[in-house]
Amino acid sequence: MKTFNITIKSKNKTSVNEFFLFFNGNKLYNSNVIKKYFQKKAKKKKLTILKSPHVNKKAQEQFENRLFKKQFKIQTTKKSKIFNLFKKNKL
């Protein structure tokens, strides 16, 4: 039996969850393929830009970027089905 560790990253939280539900609910297999999964903490990056180039330190804008991750472990005997599933999903 072969084990694969897969990590999904996206800026959109719903797309990560929908991919996980799609992959776990696929009808190609008799039972659920995912044996273990967990969601990692979202990474935040903040960027601060000054509006005024010279004097006003108080005139700032802040932007935030979040990256959502979900990692799961797959155990399967037929790895070709897993690769075909990812290939079809990519298209």
PDB file of N, CA and C in Angstrom:
ATOM      1  N   MET A   1       0.843  -1.173   0.000  1.00  0.00           N
ATOM      2  CA  MET A   1       0.000   0.000   0.000  1.00  0.00           C
ATOM      3  C   MET A   1       0.891   1.240   0.000  1.00  0.00           C
ATOM      4  N   LYS A   2       0.609   2.170  -0.879  1.00  0.00           N
ATOM      5  CA  LYS A   2       1.399   3.380  -1.055  1.00  0.00           C
ATOM      6  C   LYS A   2       0.724   4.547  -0.344  1.00  0.00           C
ATOM      7  N   THR A   3       1.533   5.393   0.317  1.00  0.00           N
ATOM      8  CA  THR A   3       1.022   6.547   1.044  1.00  0.00           C
ATOM      9  C   THR A   3       1.516   7.823   0.375  1.00  0.00           C
ATOM     10  N   PHE A   4       0.594   8.771   0.159  1.00  0.00           N
ATOM     11  CA  PHE A   4       0.921  10.069  -0.428  1.00  0.00           C
ATOM     12  C   PHE A   4       0.509  11.168   0.543  1.00  0.00           C
ATOM     13  N   ASN A   5       1.362  12.173   0.697  1.00  0.00           N
ATOM     14  CA  ASN A   5       1.037  13.361   1.476  1.00  0.00           C
ATOM     15  C   ASN A   5       0.812  14.501   0.491  1.00  0.00           C
ATOM     16  N   ILE A   6      -0.371  15.101   0.546  1.00  0.00           N
ATOM     17  CA  ILE A   6      -0.737  16.151  -0.402  1.00  0.00           C
ATOM     18  C   ILE A   6      -1.090  17.411   0.366  1.00  0.00           C
ATOM     19  N   THR A   7      -0.539  18.545  -0.079  1.00  0.00           N
ATOM     20  CA  THR A   7      -0.831  19.837   0.526  1.00  0.00           C
ATOM     21  C   THR A   7      -1.489  20.724  -0.524  1.00  0.00           C
ATOM     22  N   ILE A   8      -2.609  21.317  -0.149  1.00  0.00           N
ATOM     23  CA  ILE A   8      -3.332  22.231  -1.041  1.00  0.00           C
ATOM     24  C   ILE A   8      -3.201  23.631  -0.463  1.00  0.00           C
ATOM     25  N   LYS A   9      -2.819  24.603  -1.313  1.00  0.00           N
ATOM     26  CA  LYS A   9      -2.666  25.991  -0.900  1.00  0.00           C
ATOM     27  C   LYS A   9      -3.497  26.875  -1.816  1.00  0.00           C
ATOM     28  N   SER A  10      -4.136  27.873  -1.216  1.00  0.00           N
ATOM     29  CA  SER A  10      -4.901  28.818  -2.017  1.00  0.00           C
ATOM     30  C   SER A  10      -5.127  30.091  -1.212  1.00  0.00           C
ATOM     31  N   LYS A  11      -5.392  31.175  -1.927  1.00  0.00           N
ATOM     32  CA  LYS A  11      -5.754  32.421  -1.259  1.00  0.00           C
ATOM     33  C   LYS A  11      -7.233  32.450  -0.924  1.00  0.00           C
ATOM     34  N   ASN A  12      -7.991  31.539  -1.503  1.00  0.00           N
ATOM     35  CA  ASN A  12      -9.425  31.484  -1.294  1.00  0.00           C
ATOM     36  C   ASN A  12      -9.761  30.264  -0.429  1.00  0.00           C
ATOM     37  N   LYS A  13     -10.373  30.497   0.719  1.00  0.00           N
ATOM     38  CA  LYS A  13     -10.664  29.416   1.665  1.00  0.00           C
ATOM     39  C   LYS A  13     -11.708  28.447   1.121  1.00  0.00           C
ATOM     40  N   THR A  14     -12.695  28.948   0.418  1.00  0.00           N
ATOM     41  CA  THR A  14     -13.755  28.071  -0.094  1.00  0.00           C
ATOM     42  C   THR A  14     -13.241  27.135  -1.180  1.00  0.00           C
ATOM     43  N   SER A  15     -12.289  27.587  -1.985  1.00  0.00           N
ATOM     44  CA  SER A  15     -11.762  26.704  -3.031  1.00  0.00           C
ATOM     45  C   SER A  15     -10.989  25.536  -2.433  1.00  0.00           C
ATOM     46  N   VAL A  16     -10.278  25.762  -1.324  1.00  0.00           N
ATOM     47  CA  VAL A  16      -9.566  24.673  -0.644  1.00  0.00           C
ATOM     48  C   VAL A  16     -10.563  23.666  -0.093  1.00  0.00           C
ATOM     49  N   ASN A  17     -11.615  24.160   0.544  1.00  0.00           N
ATOM     50  CA  ASN A  17     -12.626  23.261   1.118  1.00  0.00           C
ATOM     51  C   ASN A  17     -13.389  22.500   0.034  1.00  0.00           C
ATOM     52  N   GLU A  18     -13.715  23.150  -1.072  1.00  0.00           N
ATOM     53  CA  GLU A  18     -14.437  22.479  -2.156  1.00  0.00           C
ATOM     54  C   GLU A  18     -13.584  21.401  -2.817  1.00  0.00           C
ATOM     55  N   PHE A  19     -12.297  21.656  -2.984  1.00  0.00           N
ATOM     56  CA  PHE A  19     -11.427  20.631  -3.545  1.00  0.00           C
ATOM     57  C   PHE A  19     -11.349  19.425  -2.615  1.00  0.00           C
ATOM     58  N   PHE A  20     -11.251  19.681  -1.327  1.00  0.00           N
ATOM     59  CA  PHE A  20     -11.188  18.590  -0.356  1.00  0.00           C
ATOM     60  C   PHE A  20     -12.472  17.760  -0.398  1.00  0.00           C
ATOM     61  N   LEU A  21     -13.628  18.409  -0.453  1.00  0.00           N
ATOM     62  CA  LEU A  21     -14.904  17.680  -0.517  1.00  0.00           C
ATOM     63  C   LEU A  21     -15.036  16.918  -1.832  1.00  0.00           C
ATOM     64  N   PHE A  22     -14.577  17.505  -2.932  1.00  0.00           N
ATOM     65  CA  PHE A  22     -14.612  16.829  -4.222  1.00  0.00           C
ATOM     66  C   PHE A  22     -13.749  15.571  -4.198  1.00  0.00           C
ATOM     67  N   PHE A  23     -12.548  15.717  -3.669  1.00  0.00           N
ATOM     68  CA  PHE A  23     -11.615  14.595  -3.667  1.00  0.00           C
ATOM     69  C   PHE A  23     -12.078  13.492  -2.724  1.00  0.00           C
ATOM     70  N   ASN A  24     -12.623  13.852  -1.582  1.00  0.00           N
ATOM     71  CA  ASN A  24     -13.073  12.866  -0.602  1.00  0.00           C
ATOM     72  C   ASN A  24     -14.378  12.202  -1.042  1.00  0.00           C
ATOM     73  N   GLY A  25     -15.207  12.880  -1.800  1.00  0.00           N
ATOM     74  CA  GLY A  25     -16.492  12.343  -2.212  1.00  0.00           C
ATOM     75  C   GLY A  25     -16.493  11.721  -3.588  1.00  0.00           C
ATOM     76  N   ASN A  26     -15.331  11.472  -4.164  1.00  0.00           N
ATOM     77  CA  ASN A  26     -15.252  10.916  -5.503  1.00  0.00           C
ATOM     78  C   ASN A  26     -15.745   9.476  -5.525  1.00  0.00           C
ATOM     79  N   LYS A  27     -16.460   9.089  -6.565  1.00  0.00           N
ATOM     80  CA  LYS A  27     -17.088   7.775  -6.660  1.00  0.00           C
ATOM     81  C   LYS A  27     -16.206   6.710  -7.319  1.00  0.00           C
ATOM     82  N   LEU A  28     -14.941   7.028  -7.617  1.00  0.00           N
ATOM     83  CA  LEU A  28     -14.056   6.040  -8.230  1.00  0.00           C
ATOM     84  C   LEU A  28     -13.636   4.945  -7.249  1.00  0.00           C
ATOM     85  N   TYR A  29     -13.813   5.214  -5.989  1.00  0.00           N
ATOM     86  CA  TYR A  29     -13.338   4.291  -4.970  1.00  0.00           C
ATOM     87  C   TYR A  29     -14.516   3.742  -4.176  1.00  0.00           C
ATOM     88  N   ASN A  30     -14.338   2.545  -3.626  1.00  0.00           N
ATOM     89  CA  ASN A  30     -15.394   1.935  -2.826  1.00  0.00           C
ATOM     90  C   ASN A  30     -15.537   2.611  -1.470  1.00  0.00           C
ATOM     91  N   SER A  31     -14.427   3.021  -0.885  1.00  0.00           N
ATOM     92  CA  SER A  31     -14.461   3.700   0.411  1.00  0.00           C
ATOM     93  C   SER A  31     -13.686   5.004   0.306  1.00  0.00           C
ATOM     94  N   ASN A  32     -13.711   5.770   1.377  1.00  0.00           N
ATOM     95  CA  ASN A  32     -12.981   7.038   1.382  1.00  0.00           C
ATOM     96  C   ASN A  32     -11.486   6.782   1.316  1.00  0.00           C
ATOM     97  N   VAL A  33     -10.805   7.539   0.512  1.00  0.00           N
ATOM     98  CA  VAL A  33      -9.382   7.357   0.284  1.00  0.00           C
ATOM     99  C   VAL A  33      -8.570   8.103   1.339  1.00  0.00           C
ATOM    100  N   ILE A  34      -9.062   9.234   1.787  1.00  0.00           N
ATOM    101  CA  ILE A  34      -8.309  10.069   2.715  1.00  0.00           C
ATOM    102  C   ILE A  34      -8.340   9.436   4.099  1.00  0.00           C
ATOM    103  N   LYS A  35      -7.163   9.163   4.619  1.00  0.00           N
ATOM    104  CA  LYS A  35      -7.057   8.528   5.927  1.00  0.00           C
ATOM    105  C   LYS A  35      -6.904   9.536   7.052  1.00  0.00           C
ATOM    106  N   LYS A  36      -6.210  10.637   6.785  1.00  0.00           N
ATOM    107  CA  LYS A  36      -5.928  11.609   7.822  1.00  0.00           C
ATOM    108  C   LYS A  36      -5.812  12.978   7.173  1.00  0.00           C
ATOM    109  N   TYR A  37      -6.409  14.000   7.777  1.00  0.00           N
ATOM    110  CA  TYR A  37      -6.279  15.344   7.229  1.00  0.00           C
ATOM    111  C   TYR A  37      -6.280  16.358   8.350  1.00  0.00           C
ATOM    112  N   PHE A  38      -5.680  17.496   8.090  1.00  0.00           N
ATOM    113  CA  PHE A  38      -5.725  18.600   9.032  1.00  0.00           C
ATOM    114  C   PHE A  38      -5.507  19.898   8.285  1.00  0.00           C
ATOM    115  N   GLN A  39      -6.047  20.953   8.866  1.00  0.00           N
ATOM    116  CA  GLN A  39      -5.945  22.272   8.254  1.00  0.00           C
ATOM    117  C   GLN A  39      -4.880  23.061   8.998  1.00  0.00           C
ATOM    118  N   LYS A  40      -3.945  23.589   8.254  1.00  0.00           N
ATOM    119  CA  LYS A  40      -2.884  24.376   8.863  1.00  0.00           C
ATOM    120  C   LYS A  40      -3.374  25.806   9.067  1.00  0.00           C
ATOM    121  N   LYS A  41      -2.715  26.501   9.960  1.00  0.00           N
ATOM    122  CA  LYS A  41      -3.076  27.874  10.264  1.00  0.00           C
ATOM    123  C   LYS A  41      -2.812  28.765   9.049  1.00  0.00           C
ATOM    124  N   ALA A  42      -3.733  29.676   8.782  1.00  0.00           N
ATOM    125  CA  ALA A  42      -3.591  30.576   7.636  1.00  0.00           C
ATOM    126  C   ALA A  42      -2.455  31.564   7.893  1.00  0.00           C
ATOM    127  N   LYS A  43      -1.594  31.717   6.903  1.00  0.00           N
ATOM    128  CA  LYS A  43      -0.494  32.666   7.024  1.00  0.00           C
ATOM    129  C   LYS A  43      -0.980  34.035   6.562  1.00  0.00           C
ATOM    130  N   LYS A  44      -0.650  35.044   7.347  1.00  0.00           N
ATOM    131  CA  LYS A  44      -1.029  36.412   7.020  1.00  0.00           C
ATOM    132  C   LYS A  44       0.222  37.213   6.705  1.00  0.00           C
ATOM    133  N   LYS A  45       0.128  38.000   5.664  1.00  0.00           N
ATOM    134  CA  LYS A  45       1.196  38.942   5.327  1.00  0.00           C
ATOM    135  C   LYS A  45       0.567  40.319   5.230  1.00  0.00           C
ATOM    136  N   LYS A  46       1.147  41.275   5.932  1.00  0.00           N
ATOM    137  CA  LYS A  46       0.648  42.645   5.900  1.00  0.00           C
ATOM    138  C   LYS A  46       1.673  43.534   5.198  1.00  0.00           C
ATOM    139  N   LEU A  47       1.148  44.416   4.370  1.00  0.00           N
ATOM    140  CA  LEU A  47       1.967  45.354   3.621  1.00  0.00           C
ATOM    141  C   LEU A  47       1.451  46.759   3.924  1.00  0.00           C
ATOM    142  N   THR A  48       2.339  47.626   4.366  1.00  0.00           N
ATOM    143  CA  THR A  48       1.963  49.000   4.695  1.00  0.00           C
ATOM    144  C   THR A  48       2.609  49.941   3.698  1.00  0.00           C
ATOM    145  N   ILE A  49       1.808  50.834   3.134  1.00  0.00           N
ATOM    146  CA  ILE A  49       2.277  51.796   2.133  1.00  0.00           C
ATOM    147  C   ILE A  49       1.945  53.207   2.621  1.00  0.00           C
ATOM    148  N   LEU A  50       2.926  54.084   2.537  1.00  0.00           N
ATOM    149  CA  LEU A  50       2.698  55.479   2.905  1.00  0.00           C
ATOM    150  C   LEU A  50       2.046  56.208   1.730  1.00  0.00           C
ATOM    151  N   LYS A  51       0.989  56.983   2.023  1.00  0.00           N
ATOM    152  CA  LYS A  51       0.321  57.760   0.971  1.00  0.00           C
ATOM    153  C   LYS A  51       1.163  58.969   0.579  1.00  0.00           C
ATOM    154  N   SER A  52       1.747  59.601   1.567  1.00  0.00           N
ATOM    155  CA  SER A  52       2.555  60.790   1.328  1.00  0.00           C
ATOM    156  C   SER A  52       4.031  60.411   1.383  1.00  0.00           C
ATOM    157  N   PRO A  53       4.805  60.767   0.384  1.00  0.00           N
ATOM    158  CA  PRO A  53       6.207  60.340   0.374  1.00  0.00           C
ATOM    159  C   PRO A  53       7.110  61.107   1.347  1.00  0.00           C
ATOM    160  N   HIS A  54       6.688  62.284   1.837  1.00  0.00           N
ATOM    161  CA  HIS A  54       7.607  63.098   2.622  1.00  0.00           C
ATOM    162  C   HIS A  54       7.245  63.195   4.102  1.00  0.00           C
ATOM    163  N   VAL A  55       6.105  63.804   4.433  1.00  0.00           N
ATOM    164  CA  VAL A  55       5.875  64.285   5.787  1.00  0.00           C
ATOM    165  C   VAL A  55       4.955  63.364   6.613  1.00  0.00           C
ATOM    166  N   ASN A  56       3.792  63.030   6.113  1.00  0.00           N
ATOM    167  CA  ASN A  56       2.755  62.394   6.928  1.00  0.00           C
ATOM    168  C   ASN A  56       3.020  60.912   7.141  1.00  0.00           C
ATOM    169  N   LYS A  57       3.461  60.599   8.344  1.00  0.00           N
ATOM    170  CA  LYS A  57       3.657  59.190   8.703  1.00  0.00           C
ATOM    171  C   LYS A  57       2.310  58.535   9.024  1.00  0.00           C
ATOM    172  N   LYS A  58       1.322  59.339   9.438  1.00  0.00           N
ATOM    173  CA  LYS A  58       0.011  58.807   9.812  1.00  0.00           C
ATOM    174  C   LYS A  58      -0.841  58.432   8.606  1.00  0.00           C
ATOM    175  N   ALA A  59      -0.528  58.979   7.450  1.00  0.00           N
ATOM    176  CA  ALA A  59      -1.301  58.681   6.241  1.00  0.00           C
ATOM    177  C   ALA A  59      -0.769  57.387   5.616  1.00  0.00           C
ATOM    178  N   GLN A  60      -1.277  56.254   6.095  1.00  0.00           N
ATOM    179  CA  GLN A  60      -0.824  54.951   5.635  1.00  0.00           C
ATOM    180  C   GLN A  60      -2.009  54.100   5.196  1.00  0.00           C
ATOM    181  N   GLU A  61      -1.735  53.168   4.325  1.00  0.00           N
ATOM    182  CA  GLU A  61      -2.722  52.144   3.960  1.00  0.00           C
ATOM    183  C   GLU A  61      -2.106  50.788   4.219  1.00  0.00           C
ATOM    184  N   GLN A  62      -2.917  49.872   4.741  1.00  0.00           N
ATOM    185  CA  GLN A  62      -2.438  48.519   5.000  1.00  0.00           C
ATOM    186  C   GLN A  62      -3.231  47.522   4.165  1.00  0.00           C
ATOM    187  N   PHE A  63      -2.512  46.558   3.615  1.00  0.00           N
ATOM    188  CA  PHE A  63      -3.119  45.493   2.834  1.00  0.00           C
ATOM    189  C   PHE A  63      -2.731  44.163   3.469  1.00  0.00           C
ATOM    190  N   GLU A  64      -3.670  43.218   3.432  1.00  0.00           N
ATOM    191  CA  GLU A  64      -3.419  41.917   4.048  1.00  0.00           C
ATOM    192  C   GLU A  64      -3.612  40.814   3.018  1.00  0.00           C
ATOM    193  N   ASN A  65      -2.725  39.849   3.056  1.00  0.00           N
ATOM    194  CA  ASN A  65      -2.786  38.707   2.155  1.00  0.00           C
ATOM    195  C   ASN A  65      -2.791  37.441   3.011  1.00  0.00           C
ATOM    196  N   ARG A  66      -3.747  36.530   2.793  1.00  0.00           N
ATOM    197  CA  ARG A  66      -3.827  35.284   3.556  1.00  0.00           C
ATOM    198  C   ARG A  66      -3.649  34.099   2.624  1.00  0.00           C
ATOM    199  N   LEU A  67      -2.982  33.077   3.133  1.00  0.00           N
ATOM    200  CA  LEU A  67      -2.765  31.849   2.394  1.00  0.00           C
ATOM    201  C   LEU A  67      -3.297  30.690   3.230  1.00  0.00           C
ATOM    202  N   PHE A  68      -4.308  29.986   2.697  1.00  0.00           N
ATOM    203  CA  PHE A  68      -4.940  28.876   3.406  1.00  0.00           C
ATOM    204  C   PHE A  68      -4.344  27.562   2.928  1.00  0.00           C
ATOM    205  N   LYS A  69      -4.129  26.622   3.863  1.00  0.00           N
ATOM    206  CA  LYS A  69      -3.549  25.324   3.536  1.00  0.00           C
ATOM    207  C   LYS A  69      -4.378  24.214   4.151  1.00  0.00           C
ATOM    208  N   LYS A  70      -4.427  23.111   3.444  1.00  0.00           N
ATOM    209  CA  LYS A  70      -5.017  21.893   3.979  1.00  0.00           C
ATOM    210  C   LYS A  70      -4.148  20.739   3.514  1.00  0.00           C
ATOM    211  N   GLN A  71      -3.789  19.874   4.437  1.00  0.00           N
ATOM    212  CA  GLN A  71      -2.905  18.770   4.131  1.00  0.00           C
ATOM    213  C   GLN A  71      -3.621  17.469   4.467  1.00  0.00           C
ATOM    214  N   PHE A  72      -3.491  16.483   3.575  1.00  0.00           N
ATOM    215  CA  PHE A  72      -4.096  15.190   3.863  1.00  0.00           C
ATOM    216  C   PHE A  72      -3.224  14.050   3.379  1.00  0.00           C
ATOM    217  N   LYS A  73      -3.443  12.892   3.988  1.00  0.00           N
ATOM    218  CA  LYS A  73      -2.666  11.696   3.715  1.00  0.00           C
ATOM    219  C   LYS A  73      -3.567  10.684   3.033  1.00  0.00           C
ATOM    220  N   ILE A  74      -3.079  10.126   1.925  1.00  0.00           N
ATOM    221  CA  ILE A  74      -3.835   9.160   1.139  1.00  0.00           C
ATOM    222  C   ILE A  74      -3.105   7.830   1.165  1.00  0.00           C
ATOM    223  N   GLN A  75      -3.854   6.763   1.413  1.00  0.00           N
ATOM    224  CA  GLN A  75      -3.293   5.422   1.307  1.00  0.00           C
ATOM    225  C   GLN A  75      -4.084   4.667   0.249  1.00  0.00           C
ATOM    226  N   THR A  76      -3.379   4.148  -0.740  1.00  0.00           N
ATOM    227  CA  THR A  76      -4.050   3.453  -1.821  1.00  0.00           C
ATOM    228  C   THR A  76      -3.139   2.381  -2.406  1.00  0.00           C
ATOM    229  N   THR A  77      -3.753   1.420  -3.041  1.00  0.00           N
ATOM    230  CA  THR A  77      -2.995   0.385  -3.742  1.00  0.00           C
ATOM    231  C   THR A  77      -2.891   0.707  -5.229  1.00  0.00           C
ATOM    232  N   LYS A  78      -3.811   1.524  -5.737  1.00  0.00           N
ATOM    233  CA  LYS A  78      -3.840   1.879  -7.162  1.00  0.00           C
ATOM    234  C   LYS A  78      -3.491   3.346  -7.327  1.00  0.00           C
ATOM    235  N   LYS A  79      -2.198   3.634  -7.445  1.00  0.00           N
ATOM    236  CA  LYS A  79      -1.773   5.024  -7.553  1.00  0.00           C
ATOM    237  C   LYS A  79      -2.119   5.639  -8.903  1.00  0.00           C
ATOM    238  N   SER A  80      -2.350   4.830  -9.926  1.00  0.00           N
ATOM    239  CA  SER A  80      -2.685   5.379 -11.238  1.00  0.00           C
ATOM    240  C   SER A  80      -4.040   6.082 -11.217  1.00  0.00           C
ATOM    241  N   LYS A  81      -4.986   5.579 -10.417  1.00  0.00           N
ATOM    242  CA  LYS A  81      -6.287   6.244 -10.312  1.00  0.00           C
ATOM    243  C   LYS A  81      -6.159   7.618  -9.668  1.00  0.00           C
ATOM    244  N   ILE A  82      -5.295   7.727  -8.671  1.00  0.00           N
ATOM    245  CA  ILE A  82      -5.075   9.017  -8.007  1.00  0.00           C
ATOM    246  C   ILE A  82      -4.484  10.021  -8.989  1.00  0.00           C
ATOM    247  N   PHE A  83      -3.469   9.599  -9.739  1.00  0.00           N
ATOM    248  CA  PHE A  83      -2.838  10.499 -10.696  1.00  0.00           C
ATOM    249  C   PHE A  83      -3.802  10.906 -11.809  1.00  0.00           C
ATOM    250  N   ASN A  84      -4.624   9.983 -12.263  1.00  0.00           N
ATOM    251  CA  ASN A  84      -5.622  10.316 -13.288  1.00  0.00           C
ATOM    252  C   ASN A  84      -6.652  11.313 -12.757  1.00  0.00           C
ATOM    253  N   LEU A  85      -7.024  11.158 -11.508  1.00  0.00           N
ATOM    254  CA  LEU A  85      -7.987  12.077 -10.900  1.00  0.00           C
ATOM    255  C   LEU A  85      -7.423  13.499 -10.845  1.00  0.00           C
ATOM    256  N   PHE A  86      -6.162  13.622 -10.435  1.00  0.00           N
ATOM    257  CA  PHE A  86      -5.535  14.944 -10.399  1.00  0.00           C
ATOM    258  C   PHE A  86      -5.374  15.525 -11.798  1.00  0.00           C
ATOM    259  N   LYS A  87      -5.065  14.680 -12.752  1.00  0.00           N
ATOM    260  CA  LYS A  87      -4.897  15.137 -14.132  1.00  0.00           C
ATOM    261  C   LYS A  87      -6.222  15.665 -14.698  1.00  0.00           C
ATOM    262  N   LYS A  88      -7.311  14.948 -14.442  1.00  0.00           N
ATOM    263  CA  LYS A  88      -8.622  15.393 -14.914  1.00  0.00           C
ATOM    264  C   LYS A  88      -9.054  16.676 -14.212  1.00  0.00           C
ATOM    265  N   ASN A  89      -8.742  16.783 -12.927  1.00  0.00           N
ATOM    266  CA  ASN A  89      -9.112  17.964 -12.172  1.00  0.00           C
ATOM    267  C   ASN A  89      -8.326  19.177 -12.647  1.00  0.00           C
ATOM    268  N   LYS A  90      -7.093  18.992 -13.062  1.00  0.00           N
ATOM    269  CA  LYS A  90      -6.287  20.084 -13.561  1.00  0.00           C
ATOM    270  C   LYS A  90      -6.879  20.663 -14.851  1.00  0.00           C
ATOM    271  N   LEU A  91      -7.421  19.792 -15.703  1.00  0.00           N
ATOM    272  CA  LEU A  91      -8.016  20.249 -16.943  1.00  0.00           C
ATOM    273  C   LEU A  91      -9.305  20.988 -16.675  1.00  0.00           C
TER     274      LEU A  91
END
